[in-house]
Amino acid sequence: MIVSALWILGLRLENMSYLDNGLVRIGVDLSKGGAITYLSKSGGPNMVNDFDLGRQIQMSYYSGPVPFEPRGKKPQESWAGLGWNPIQSGDCYGHASKTLAFKNDGRTIYLKCIPMQWPLNNEPGECTFESWIVLRGSTVEVMNRITNRRIDLTQYSARTQELPAVYTNAPWYHLMTYVGDRPYTNDKVTEIPQHPWGKDGPWTSFQATESWAAMLDDQGWGIGVWAPETKSISGGFVGKPGFGGSSDGPTGYIAPNLNEILDSNIRYDNHYVLILGNLPSIRRYVIEHTNVGELPSYKFSSDRQHWTYTNAEDTGWPIRGELQVKLQRPDPQLIGSNSFWSAQDGPILEVLAAFKTHQTTAQVFWSRRDAPGFDQARSLTFEVTPDGRYHRYRVDLSKSPEYRGAITQIRFDPEPDGHPGDVVRVKSIRILRGK
């Protein structure tokens, strides 16, 4: 049975609801939009920091404008640079998000809430958040969804999303991950050091080539966060490590990141897994559940597959079988998400696209682990047929001496300079093995 607004038969429900399978105990706080405020091995101490409404384990999404000032309402000055930022627990003024629906059948928790705009005073988001939470062994599988209903129909540029934001208590302060170029081989892991407060707070961003990071205590036990679709993670620790509970200020932080366009009417899903254990068991779970050696393959049947744009925009949500990208500005670019593959394993780029452009050439760029970013030296130009019909283009990237080692990202430029009315329609972009 689904319960609305925390009331049933006139009786107020308890704020907390739990799942416990004898290995893991997890709890959501219905007075804070259903954010996860409790996580432990069964019978153990809580690992989740609950110092204010910006902590917990919760959804946090970003878009424009920056600053976000609905009806002239001004954001809290120190948070104005965040722009549009609904979060699951509440706002920086202490107003909690409202839980709309909730169900716990002993196996799965489902919940739905109206989030609050973190930088603003009592400003609900024009969206809803939903979560499905399941325990499997020593793991917690979570699927999150944001559904937008914004009045502002502008397609804002992509922003970095927290998928999710995970805050731990002070005993869990060793931030561990794998950042090397030999993923899934049990190569040596890295501890990410603390660093002084900077423009992103005390957090640092890194490429996690196995898509996980963990916060461990001094005994080497803790929580791993695995987000299979991203290689980019932010994390760190603030305050004095080692001692402090859920109501104390010191906290660790992990957030898998993806750059995403969040349309005014989008329904956006993401999935992650919380893994309790020591470092070997966390890593073993990730490896056992990863399709090792899989090359990037993007089919734009119902979403953007984490692709974003520079100097371009598409026709908006929903995506129906293709991207339709308008090329009306100089140097239009389609940019893939952070990834990781061996140039030797994937030498061929295949693009299934229909060009209606003024030029007859397109260009592909790639970023290497040892040479990040995009540069003309790491690019190839190929001929296209601008007749508005679909053609399959194959580009042998191995023809460039700069296509070597570990590749981390690709960029596709449909034409050198856009013109009004120019458009490219794209069904798929794939990296393929050679013959």
Protein backbone atom coordinates (compact mmCIF):
# COMPACT_ATOMS: atom_id res chain seq x y z
CA MET A 1 0.00 0.00 0.00
CA ILE A 2 1.29 3.49 -0.88
CA VAL A 3 1.06 6.06 1.88
CA SER A 4 0.68 9.74 0.97
CA ALA A 5 2.01 12.73 2.88
CA LEU A 6 3.06 10.66 5.93
CA TRP A 7 -0.48 10.29 7.21
CA ILE A 8 -2.80 7.27 7.34
CA LEU A 9 -6.09 6.94 9.23
CA GLY A 10 -5.31 10.27 10.88
CA LEU A 11 -2.17 8.95 12.57
CA ARG A 12 1.28 10.39 11.93
CA LEU A 13 3.82 7.79 10.77
CA GLU A 14 7.24 7.38 12.30
CA ASN A 15 9.88 9.36 10.43
CA MET A 16 12.20 6.41 9.89
CA SER A 17 11.63 3.25 7.86
CA TYR A 18 14.17 0.42 7.63
CA LEU A 19 15.20 -2.65 5.68
CA ASP A 20 17.41 -5.25 7.38
CA ASN A 21 18.47 -8.58 5.84
CA GLY A 22 20.77 -9.68 8.67
CA LEU A 23 23.85 -8.30 6.87
CA VAL A 24 22.87 -4.71 6.12
CA ARG A 25 20.49 -2.27 7.78
CA ILE A 26 19.36 0.82 5.88
CA GLY A 27 16.95 3.55 6.94
CA VAL A 28 15.22 6.42 5.16
CA ASP A 29 13.90 9.54 6.88
CA LEU A 30 10.41 10.37 5.63
CA SER A 31 10.61 13.82 7.23
CA LYS A 32 13.55 14.58 4.88
CA GLY A 33 12.13 13.50 1.54
CA GLY A 34 13.07 9.88 2.17
CA ALA A 35 16.81 10.51 2.05
CA ILE A 36 18.97 7.69 3.39
CA THR A 37 20.07 8.69 6.90
CA TYR A 38 21.03 5.26 8.25
CA LEU A 39 23.35 2.60 6.85
CA SER A 40 25.27 -0.04 8.78
CA LYS A 41 26.09 -3.69 8.90
CA SER A 42 23.31 -5.25 10.96
CA GLY A 43 23.99 -4.44 14.60
CA GLY A 44 26.80 -2.03 13.75
CA PRO A 45 27.13 1.76 14.04
CA ASN A 46 25.49 4.14 11.57
CA MET A 47 27.87 5.40 8.86
CA VAL A 48 25.70 8.21 7.42
CA ASN A 49 26.26 11.84 8.38
CA ASP A 50 23.07 13.78 9.17
CA PHE A 51 24.55 17.09 10.37
CA ASP A 52 22.27 19.28 8.21
CA LEU A 53 19.89 18.90 5.27
CA GLY A 54 22.78 18.98 2.79
CA ARG A 55 24.33 15.72 4.03
CA GLN A 56 22.74 12.20 4.14
CA ILE A 57 22.80 9.92 1.07
CA GLN A 58 20.56 11.76 -1.32
CA MET A 59 19.76 12.99 -4.82
CA SER A 60 21.13 16.36 -5.94
CA TYR A 61 20.70 17.74 -9.46
CA TYR A 62 21.85 20.87 -11.28
CA SER A 63 20.79 23.02 -14.21
CA GLY A 64 20.47 26.67 -15.19
CA PRO A 65 20.06 29.50 -14.79
CA VAL A 66 22.88 30.63 -12.54
CA PRO A 67 21.88 32.27 -10.28
CA PHE A 68 18.39 30.78 -10.06
CA GLU A 69 15.97 33.52 -8.91
CA PRO A 70 12.35 32.37 -9.32
CA ARG A 71 9.92 35.29 -9.14
CA GLY A 72 12.86 37.48 -8.09
CA LYS A 73 13.63 35.44 -4.96
CA LYS A 74 17.35 35.67 -4.21
CA PRO A 75 19.46 32.63 -3.27
CA GLN A 76 21.61 32.51 -0.16
CA GLU A 77 24.70 34.42 -1.23
CA SER A 78 27.29 31.72 -0.56
CA TRP A 79 25.29 29.20 -2.63
CA ALA A 80 24.20 31.47 -5.51
CA GLY A 81 26.73 29.90 -7.88
CA LEU A 82 24.92 26.56 -7.71
CA GLY A 83 22.01 27.82 -9.79
CA TRP A 84 19.03 25.48 -10.08
CA ASN A 85 19.72 22.78 -7.47
CA PRO A 86 16.86 20.69 -6.06
CA ILE A 87 18.01 18.21 -3.42
CA GLN A 88 16.18 15.42 -1.66
CA SER A 89 16.51 16.39 2.02
CA GLY A 90 15.74 20.12 2.11
CA ASP A 91 17.18 23.61 1.72
CA CYS A 92 20.04 25.48 3.37
CA TYR A 93 17.53 27.40 5.52
CA GLY A 94 16.30 24.19 7.20
CA HIS A 95 13.06 23.57 5.31
CA ALA A 96 12.72 19.83 4.69
CA SER A 97 11.44 18.26 1.49
CA LYS A 98 7.96 16.76 1.48
CA THR A 99 7.43 13.02 1.07
CA LEU A 100 4.44 12.38 -1.19
CA ALA A 101 4.33 8.59 -1.30
CA PHE A 102 6.03 5.71 0.49
CA LYS A 103 5.96 1.92 0.61
CA ASN A 104 8.06 -0.64 2.47
CA ASP A 105 7.10 -4.28 1.87
CA GLY A 106 10.11 -5.67 3.75
CA ARG A 107 12.08 -6.25 0.55
CA THR A 108 11.92 -2.91 -1.28
CA ILE A 109 11.47 0.68 -0.20
CA TYR A 110 9.75 2.99 -2.68
CA LEU A 111 9.37 6.69 -2.05
CA LYS A 112 8.47 9.89 -3.84
CA CYS A 113 9.05 13.46 -2.74
CA ILE A 114 8.97 17.10 -3.79
CA PRO A 115 12.57 18.30 -3.27
CA MET A 116 13.64 21.74 -2.11
CA GLN A 117 15.93 24.15 -3.94
CA TRP A 118 19.02 24.04 -1.72
CA PRO A 119 20.18 27.69 -2.18
CA LEU A 120 16.70 29.24 -1.69
CA ASN A 121 14.48 29.91 1.31
CA ASN A 122 11.51 27.52 1.25
CA GLU A 123 11.35 27.03 -2.54
CA PRO A 124 10.04 23.61 -3.63
CA GLY A 125 11.38 22.24 -6.90
CA GLU A 126 9.19 22.04 -9.99
CA CYS A 127 9.93 18.33 -10.07
CA THR A 128 9.56 15.09 -8.17
CA PHE A 129 12.17 12.60 -6.96
CA GLU A 130 11.57 8.85 -6.72
CA SER A 131 13.72 6.04 -5.30
CA TRP A 132 13.59 2.25 -5.31
CA ILE A 133 15.88 0.66 -2.67
CA VAL A 134 16.64 -3.07 -2.45
CA LEU A 135 19.03 -5.08 -0.24
CA ARG A 136 21.01 -7.89 -1.87
CA GLY A 137 23.55 -9.58 0.39
CA SER A 138 25.97 -6.94 1.65
CA THR A 139 24.85 -4.40 -0.94
CA VAL A 140 22.13 -1.79 -1.39
CA GLU A 141 20.87 -1.32 -4.95
CA VAL A 142 19.26 2.05 -5.59
CA MET A 143 17.46 3.40 -8.64
CA ASN A 144 16.71 7.13 -8.56
CA ARG A 145 14.52 9.24 -10.83
CA ILE A 146 13.90 12.95 -11.29
CA THR A 147 10.82 14.05 -13.26
CA ASN A 148 10.85 17.72 -14.21
CA ARG A 149 7.84 19.98 -14.68
CA ARG A 150 9.56 23.33 -15.02
CA ILE A 151 7.78 26.42 -16.27
CA ASP A 152 11.06 27.65 -17.77
CA LEU A 153 11.37 25.71 -21.04
CA THR A 154 14.96 26.77 -21.81
CA GLN A 155 17.40 23.98 -22.69
CA TYR A 156 20.29 24.89 -20.40
CA SER A 157 23.82 23.62 -20.89
CA ALA A 158 24.85 20.37 -19.23
CA ARG A 159 25.87 20.50 -15.57
CA THR A 160 27.75 18.05 -13.36
CA GLN A 161 25.29 15.92 -11.38
CA GLU A 162 25.77 14.16 -8.02
CA LEU A 163 24.62 10.57 -8.61
CA PRO A 164 24.21 10.43 -5.60
CA ALA A 165 25.79 12.55 -2.86
CA VAL A 166 27.06 10.24 -0.09
CA TYR A 167 28.17 11.67 3.28
CA THR A 168 29.84 9.47 5.89
CA ASN A 169 30.62 9.96 9.58
CA ALA A 170 34.13 10.80 10.81
CA PRO A 171 35.43 7.23 11.36
CA TRP A 172 35.12 6.59 7.63
CA TYR A 173 37.66 9.02 6.22
CA HIS A 174 40.08 7.01 4.05
CA LEU A 175 38.96 7.75 0.47
CA MET A 176 40.06 4.82 -1.70
CA THR A 177 39.68 4.18 -5.43
CA TYR A 178 41.48 2.89 -8.51
CA VAL A 179 42.84 5.54 -10.90
CA GLY A 180 45.30 3.45 -12.94
CA ASP A 181 45.33 2.33 -16.57
CA ARG A 182 44.97 -1.42 -15.87
CA PRO A 183 41.40 -1.66 -14.53
CA TYR A 184 39.93 -4.96 -13.32
CA THR A 185 43.38 -6.58 -12.97
CA ASN A 186 43.72 -6.10 -9.18
CA ASP A 187 46.32 -3.42 -9.82
CA LYS A 188 47.25 -1.21 -6.85
CA VAL A 189 44.55 1.10 -5.48
CA THR A 190 45.07 4.73 -4.44
CA GLU A 191 44.09 6.70 -1.34
CA ILE A 192 42.95 10.19 -2.35
CA PRO A 193 44.52 12.68 0.09
CA GLN A 194 42.72 15.52 1.81
CA HIS A 195 43.45 18.95 0.41
CA PRO A 196 42.72 22.54 1.50
CA TRP A 197 39.36 24.13 0.89
CA GLY A 198 39.14 25.37 -2.70
CA LYS A 199 36.51 26.51 -5.20
CA ASP A 200 34.84 23.08 -4.93
CA GLY A 201 35.08 23.02 -1.15
CA PRO A 202 37.36 20.33 0.29
CA TRP A 203 36.51 17.92 -2.51
CA THR A 204 38.68 16.69 -5.33
CA SER A 205 37.67 15.11 -8.64
CA PHE A 206 39.38 12.07 -10.14
CA GLN A 207 38.94 9.53 -12.90
CA ALA A 208 37.97 6.26 -11.25
CA THR A 209 38.69 3.79 -14.03
CA GLU A 210 36.78 1.00 -12.26
CA SER A 211 33.77 3.29 -11.54
CA TRP A 212 33.90 3.00 -7.74
CA ALA A 213 35.23 4.74 -4.65
CA ALA A 214 35.09 3.81 -0.96
CA MET A 215 35.27 5.45 2.46
CA LEU A 216 37.01 3.15 4.96
CA ASP A 217 37.80 3.33 8.67
CA ASP A 218 41.18 2.62 10.26
CA GLN A 219 40.42 -1.10 10.22
CA GLY A 220 39.91 -1.01 6.46
CA TRP A 221 36.13 -1.51 6.56
CA GLY A 222 33.43 0.75 5.22
CA ILE A 223 31.22 1.68 2.31
CA GLY A 224 31.89 1.45 -1.41
CA VAL A 225 29.91 3.44 -3.97
CA TRP A 226 29.70 1.92 -7.45
CA ALA A 227 28.08 3.82 -10.33
CA PRO A 228 28.62 1.66 -13.45
CA GLU A 229 27.94 4.42 -15.99
CA THR A 230 30.54 6.94 -14.83
CA LYS A 231 34.31 7.09 -14.54
CA SER A 232 34.32 10.51 -12.86
CA ILE A 233 33.96 10.80 -9.07
CA SER A 234 34.32 13.63 -6.56
CA GLY A 235 35.18 13.05 -2.93
CA GLY A 236 37.08 14.05 0.15
CA PHE A 237 36.84 14.69 3.87
CA VAL A 238 36.30 17.85 5.91
CA GLY A 239 36.96 18.31 9.64
CA LYS A 240 38.90 16.19 12.09
CA PRO A 241 38.85 12.55 10.97
CA GLY A 242 38.29 9.53 13.16
CA PHE A 243 35.76 10.55 15.81
CA GLY A 244 32.23 11.87 15.39
CA GLY A 245 28.71 10.66 14.80
CA SER A 246 25.79 11.48 12.57
CA SER A 247 25.04 14.81 14.25
CA ASP A 248 28.64 16.05 14.14
CA GLY A 249 30.26 18.27 11.51
CA PRO A 250 33.22 16.14 10.30
CA THR A 251 32.22 14.19 7.22
CA GLY A 252 33.46 12.21 4.26
CA TYR A 253 31.97 12.63 0.82
CA ILE A 254 31.67 10.59 -2.38
CA ALA A 255 29.67 11.58 -5.47
CA PRO A 256 29.77 9.80 -8.83
CA ASN A 257 29.48 12.52 -11.48
CA LEU A 258 28.04 12.78 -14.97
CA ASN A 259 27.52 15.89 -17.09
CA GLU A 260 23.86 15.88 -18.09
CA ILE A 261 21.30 18.13 -19.75
CA LEU A 262 18.17 18.20 -17.56
CA ASP A 263 15.32 19.42 -19.77
CA SER A 264 12.29 21.20 -18.37
CA ASN A 265 10.22 18.02 -18.82
CA ILE A 266 12.84 15.27 -18.52
CA ARG A 267 12.47 11.95 -16.73
CA TYR A 268 16.03 11.01 -15.82
CA ASP A 269 17.00 7.71 -14.15
CA ASN A 270 20.28 6.67 -12.60
CA HIS A 271 21.44 3.57 -10.74
CA TYR A 272 24.11 2.98 -8.11
CA VAL A 273 25.13 0.35 -5.56
CA LEU A 274 26.33 0.80 -1.97
CA ILE A 275 28.69 -2.03 -0.98
CA LEU A 276 29.54 -2.73 2.66
CA GLY A 277 32.79 -4.53 3.38
CA ASN A 278 36.55 -4.27 3.26
CA LEU A 279 38.46 -3.06 0.22
CA PRO A 280 39.03 -6.51 -1.38
CA SER A 281 35.34 -7.45 -1.06
CA ILE A 282 34.13 -4.09 -2.42
CA ARG A 283 36.43 -4.35 -5.41
CA ARG A 284 35.61 -8.00 -6.00
CA TYR A 285 31.89 -7.20 -6.17
CA VAL A 286 32.53 -4.49 -8.78
CA ILE A 287 34.70 -6.74 -10.95
CA GLU A 288 32.23 -9.64 -10.76
CA HIS A 289 29.38 -7.37 -11.89
CA THR A 290 31.24 -5.54 -14.68
CA ASN A 291 31.33 -6.55 -18.33
CA VAL A 292 35.11 -6.20 -18.53
CA GLY A 293 36.45 -5.25 -21.95
CA GLU A 294 33.17 -3.80 -23.25
CA LEU A 295 33.73 -0.93 -25.68
CA PRO A 296 31.63 2.26 -25.69
CA SER A 297 28.41 1.89 -27.66
CA TYR A 298 25.86 4.69 -27.64
CA LYS A 299 22.41 4.06 -29.14
CA PHE A 300 20.18 7.10 -28.88
CA SER A 301 16.88 5.25 -28.86
CA SER A 302 15.32 6.90 -25.80
CA ASP A 303 17.92 9.16 -24.15
CA ARG A 304 21.17 11.06 -24.78
CA GLN A 305 23.41 8.31 -23.37
CA HIS A 306 25.18 11.01 -21.30
CA TRP A 307 26.23 13.00 -24.40
CA THR A 308 26.26 16.79 -24.15
CA TYR A 309 26.82 19.74 -26.49
CA THR A 310 28.96 22.81 -26.93
CA ASN A 311 27.70 25.52 -29.31
CA ALA A 312 24.73 23.33 -30.19
CA GLU A 313 21.44 22.06 -28.81
CA ASP A 314 18.98 19.33 -29.68
CA THR A 315 15.22 19.35 -30.11
CA GLY A 316 14.62 18.44 -26.47
CA TRP A 317 12.96 15.74 -24.44
CA PRO A 318 11.77 13.11 -25.10
CA ILE A 319 14.42 11.50 -27.32
CA ARG A 320 12.70 9.38 -29.95
CA GLY A 321 15.14 7.08 -31.74
CA GLU A 322 17.75 9.71 -32.58
CA LEU A 323 19.44 12.90 -31.51
CA GLN A 324 18.40 15.87 -33.64
CA VAL A 325 21.13 18.43 -33.06
CA LYS A 326 20.80 21.97 -34.36
CA LEU A 327 24.09 23.36 -35.69
CA GLN A 328 23.41 27.09 -35.80
CA ARG A 329 26.55 28.40 -34.07
CA PRO A 330 30.28 28.32 -34.85
CA ASP A 331 32.18 25.15 -33.96
CA PRO A 332 29.27 22.90 -32.87
CA GLN A 333 30.35 19.88 -30.81
CA LEU A 334 28.84 16.65 -29.46
CA ILE A 335 30.77 15.44 -26.42
CA GLY A 336 30.71 11.92 -24.97
CA SER A 337 30.95 11.12 -21.26
CA ASN A 338 34.16 10.07 -19.54
CA SER A 339 35.02 6.49 -20.43
CA PHE A 340 38.04 4.20 -20.65
CA TRP A 341 39.23 1.79 -23.33
CA SER A 342 42.42 0.69 -25.03
CA ALA A 343 43.11 2.24 -28.43
CA GLN A 344 44.42 -1.14 -29.56
CA ASP A 345 41.15 -2.85 -28.61
CA GLY A 346 38.90 -0.26 -30.26
CA PRO A 347 40.48 1.29 -33.38
CA ILE A 348 37.27 1.99 -35.34
CA LEU A 349 34.71 4.74 -34.82
CA GLU A 350 31.29 4.11 -36.35
CA VAL A 351 28.74 6.91 -36.66
CA LEU A 352 25.21 6.28 -37.96
CA ALA A 353 24.04 9.78 -38.84
CA ALA A 354 22.17 11.97 -41.33
CA PHE A 355 23.86 15.29 -42.17
CA LYS A 356 22.09 18.36 -43.47
CA THR A 357 25.05 20.73 -43.43
CA HIS A 358 26.90 23.27 -45.57
CA GLN A 359 30.19 21.36 -45.36
CA THR A 360 31.13 17.86 -46.49
CA THR A 361 33.52 16.99 -43.66
CA ALA A 362 33.14 16.10 -39.99
CA GLN A 363 35.79 15.61 -37.34
CA VAL A 364 36.34 13.31 -34.38
CA PHE A 365 38.58 14.13 -31.40
CA TRP A 366 39.73 11.90 -28.55
CA SER A 367 41.19 12.43 -25.12
CA ARG A 368 43.97 10.17 -23.80
CA ARG A 369 44.68 9.38 -20.19
CA ASP A 370 48.20 10.76 -20.61
CA ALA A 371 46.98 13.73 -22.69
CA PRO A 372 43.57 14.86 -21.36
CA GLY A 373 41.36 17.26 -23.24
CA PHE A 374 40.79 17.73 -26.95
CA ASP A 375 43.41 18.95 -29.41
CA GLN A 376 43.76 19.10 -33.20
CA ALA A 377 46.71 16.71 -32.93
CA ARG A 378 44.36 14.07 -31.53
CA SER A 379 41.70 14.24 -34.22
CA LEU A 380 40.77 12.94 -37.65
CA THR A 381 38.59 14.47 -40.39
CA PHE A 382 36.29 12.32 -42.51
CA GLU A 383 34.02 12.89 -45.50
CA VAL A 384 30.25 12.97 -45.06
CA THR A 385 27.28 13.15 -47.44
CA PRO A 386 25.11 16.15 -46.47
CA ASP A 387 21.92 14.91 -48.16
CA GLY A 388 19.80 14.61 -45.01
CA ARG A 389 19.73 10.79 -45.26
CA TYR A 390 21.18 8.25 -42.89
CA HIS A 391 24.61 6.83 -43.75
CA ARG A 392 26.98 4.66 -41.75
CA TYR A 393 30.45 6.20 -41.45
CA ARG A 394 33.48 4.24 -40.29
CA VAL A 395 36.65 6.03 -39.30
CA ASP A 396 39.90 4.12 -38.75
CA LEU A 397 41.29 5.99 -35.76
CA SER A 398 44.43 3.86 -35.79
CA LYS A 399 45.61 5.84 -38.83
CA SER A 400 46.60 8.58 -36.42
CA PRO A 401 49.82 7.99 -34.44
CA GLU A 402 48.16 9.93 -31.60
CA TYR A 403 45.46 7.29 -31.20
CA ARG A 404 47.25 5.07 -28.71
CA GLY A 405 47.22 3.98 -25.09
CA ALA A 406 44.19 4.54 -22.88
CA ILE A 407 41.39 6.60 -24.43
CA THR A 408 39.08 8.40 -22.02
CA GLN A 409 36.61 10.43 -24.11
CA ILE A 410 35.52 11.27 -27.65
CA ARG A 411 34.13 14.38 -29.28
CA PHE A 412 32.24 14.54 -32.57
CA ASP A 413 32.13 17.79 -34.58
CA PRO A 414 29.50 17.41 -37.35
CA GLU A 415 30.84 20.41 -39.31
CA PRO A 416 33.50 23.06 -38.78
CA ASP A 417 31.04 25.99 -38.58
CA GLY A 418 27.31 25.89 -38.09
CA HIS A 419 24.69 27.79 -40.09
CA PRO A 420 20.99 28.48 -39.50
CA GLY A 421 19.01 25.43 -40.58
CA ASP A 422 21.93 23.00 -40.38
CA VAL A 423 21.22 19.83 -38.43
CA VAL A 424 22.68 16.41 -37.79
CA ARG A 425 20.54 13.44 -36.77
CA VAL A 426 22.40 10.66 -34.98
CA LYS A 427 21.14 7.15 -34.21
CA SER A 428 24.34 5.68 -32.77
CA ILE A 429 28.04 6.21 -32.12
CA ARG A 430 30.18 3.14 -31.43
CA ILE A 431 33.80 2.15 -30.88
CA LEU A 432 34.49 -1.11 -32.70
CA ARG A 433 37.21 -3.72 -32.69
CA GLY A 434 39.41 -4.04 -35.75
CA LYS A 435 39.23 -6.94 -38.19
